[in-house]
Amino acid sequence: MFRDLVFRKSSYSGASDNCVEVADVESGTLVRDSKQPELGHLSFTPAEWQPFVSSLRAFDTTV
């Protein structure tokens, strides 16, 4: 189902290994830990992802 995923790190992560990676899929967005990608991912629908990202922006004006 998710064999050909392309996960990417945020450009805000820089050289840090402490970040999450995201992948866009037809059903929404997948998120995983960059240090332990073998543990799987969380799945967000578009209706869930947008408020999540907006809430992060409320805490960090650099996003």
C-alpha atoms as a PDB file:
ATOM      1  CA  MET A   1       0.000   0.000   0.000  1.00  0.00           C
ATOM      2  CA  PHE A   2       2.733   2.520   0.984  1.00  0.00           C
ATOM      3  CA  ARG A   3       5.722   0.872  -0.717  1.00  0.00           C
ATOM      4  CA  ASP A   4       6.968   3.784  -2.801  1.00  0.00           C
ATOM      5  CA  LEU A   5       6.726   6.500  -0.168  1.00  0.00           C
ATOM      6  CA  VAL A   6       9.021   9.476  -0.354  1.00  0.00           C
ATOM      7  CA  PHE A   7       9.491  10.966   3.101  1.00  0.00           C
ATOM      8  CA  ARG A   8      11.110  14.386   3.465  1.00  0.00           C
ATOM      9  CA  LYS A   9      12.491  16.428   6.347  1.00  0.00           C
ATOM     10  CA  SER A  10      11.573  20.024   6.869  1.00  0.00           C
ATOM     11  CA  SER A  11      14.117  22.560   5.694  1.00  0.00           C
ATOM     12  CA  TYR A  12      13.835  23.986   9.221  1.00  0.00           C
ATOM     13  CA  SER A  13      15.450  20.806  10.567  1.00  0.00           C
ATOM     14  CA  GLY A  14      18.875  21.711   9.210  1.00  0.00           C
ATOM     15  CA  ALA A  15      21.511  19.117  10.035  1.00  0.00           C
ATOM     16  CA  SER A  16      19.635  17.948  13.133  1.00  0.00           C
ATOM     17  CA  ASP A  17      18.680  14.303  13.448  1.00  0.00           C
ATOM     18  CA  ASN A  18      15.881  15.145  15.887  1.00  0.00           C
ATOM     19  CA  CYS A  19      12.997  15.711  13.550  1.00  0.00           C
ATOM     20  CA  VAL A  20      10.015  14.162  11.906  1.00  0.00           C
ATOM     21  CA  GLU A  21       9.602  13.286   8.257  1.00  0.00           C
ATOM     22  CA  VAL A  22       6.430  13.640   6.211  1.00  0.00           C
ATOM     23  CA  ALA A  23       5.132  11.961   3.078  1.00  0.00           C
ATOM     24  CA  ASP A  24       2.171  13.050   0.980  1.00  0.00           C
ATOM     25  CA  VAL A  25      -0.247  10.281   0.016  1.00  0.00           C
ATOM     26  CA  GLU A  26      -3.616  10.305  -1.699  1.00  0.00           C
ATOM     27  CA  SER A  27      -5.443   9.990   1.636  1.00  0.00           C
ATOM     28  CA  GLY A  28      -3.469  12.768   3.355  1.00  0.00           C
ATOM     29  CA  THR A  29      -0.097  13.001   5.096  1.00  0.00           C
ATOM     30  CA  LEU A  30       2.056  10.440   6.886  1.00  0.00           C
ATOM     31  CA  VAL A  31       4.473  11.405   9.667  1.00  0.00           C
ATOM     32  CA  ARG A  32       7.312   9.345  11.140  1.00  0.00           C
ATOM     33  CA  ASP A  33      10.286   9.733  13.465  1.00  0.00           C
ATOM     34  CA  SER A  34      13.435  10.314  11.421  1.00  0.00           C
ATOM     35  CA  LYS A  35      15.567   8.447  13.953  1.00  0.00           C
ATOM     36  CA  GLN A  36      13.363   5.345  14.012  1.00  0.00           C
ATOM     37  CA  PRO A  37      11.491   5.122  10.699  1.00  0.00           C
ATOM     38  CA  GLU A  38      11.094   1.357  11.091  1.00  0.00           C
ATOM     39  CA  LEU A  39       8.577   1.965  13.901  1.00  0.00           C
ATOM     40  CA  GLY A  40       5.958   3.102  11.409  1.00  0.00           C
ATOM     41  CA  HIS A  41       4.068   6.318  10.863  1.00  0.00           C
ATOM     42  CA  LEU A  42       1.050   8.339  11.921  1.00  0.00           C
ATOM     43  CA  SER A  43      -1.588   9.064   9.309  1.00  0.00           C
ATOM     44  CA  PHE A  44      -3.424  12.389   9.023  1.00  0.00           C
ATOM     45  CA  THR A  45      -6.325  13.191   6.720  1.00  0.00           C
ATOM     46  CA  PRO A  46      -6.241  16.634   5.064  1.00  0.00           C
ATOM     47  CA  ALA A  47      -8.916  17.770   7.541  1.00  0.00           C
ATOM     48  CA  GLU A  48      -6.617  16.761  10.422  1.00  0.00           C
ATOM     49  CA  TRP A  49      -3.287  17.882   8.919  1.00  0.00           C
ATOM     50  CA  GLN A  50      -4.168  21.519   8.235  1.00  0.00           C
ATOM     51  CA  PRO A  51      -5.255  22.351  11.822  1.00  0.00           C
ATOM     52  CA  PHE A  52      -2.201  20.474  13.142  1.00  0.00           C
ATOM     53  CA  VAL A  53       0.207  22.546  11.034  1.00  0.00           C
ATOM     54  CA  SER A  54      -1.684  25.743  11.879  1.00  0.00           C
ATOM     55  CA  SER A  55      -1.371  25.010  15.595  1.00  0.00           C
ATOM     56  CA  LEU A  56       2.402  24.587  15.192  1.00  0.00           C
ATOM     57  CA  ARG A  57       2.633  27.939  13.447  1.00  0.00           C
ATOM     58  CA  ALA A  58       0.853  29.549  16.384  1.00  0.00           C
ATOM     59  CA  PHE A  59       3.778  28.500  18.614  1.00  0.00           C
ATOM     60  CA  ASP A  60       6.648  29.195  16.221  1.00  0.00           C
ATOM     61  CA  THR A  61       6.653  32.254  14.016  1.00  0.00           C
ATOM     62  CA  THR A  62       9.526  30.829  11.903  1.00  0.00           C
ATOM     63  CA  VAL A  63       7.364  28.019  10.426  1.00  0.00           C
END
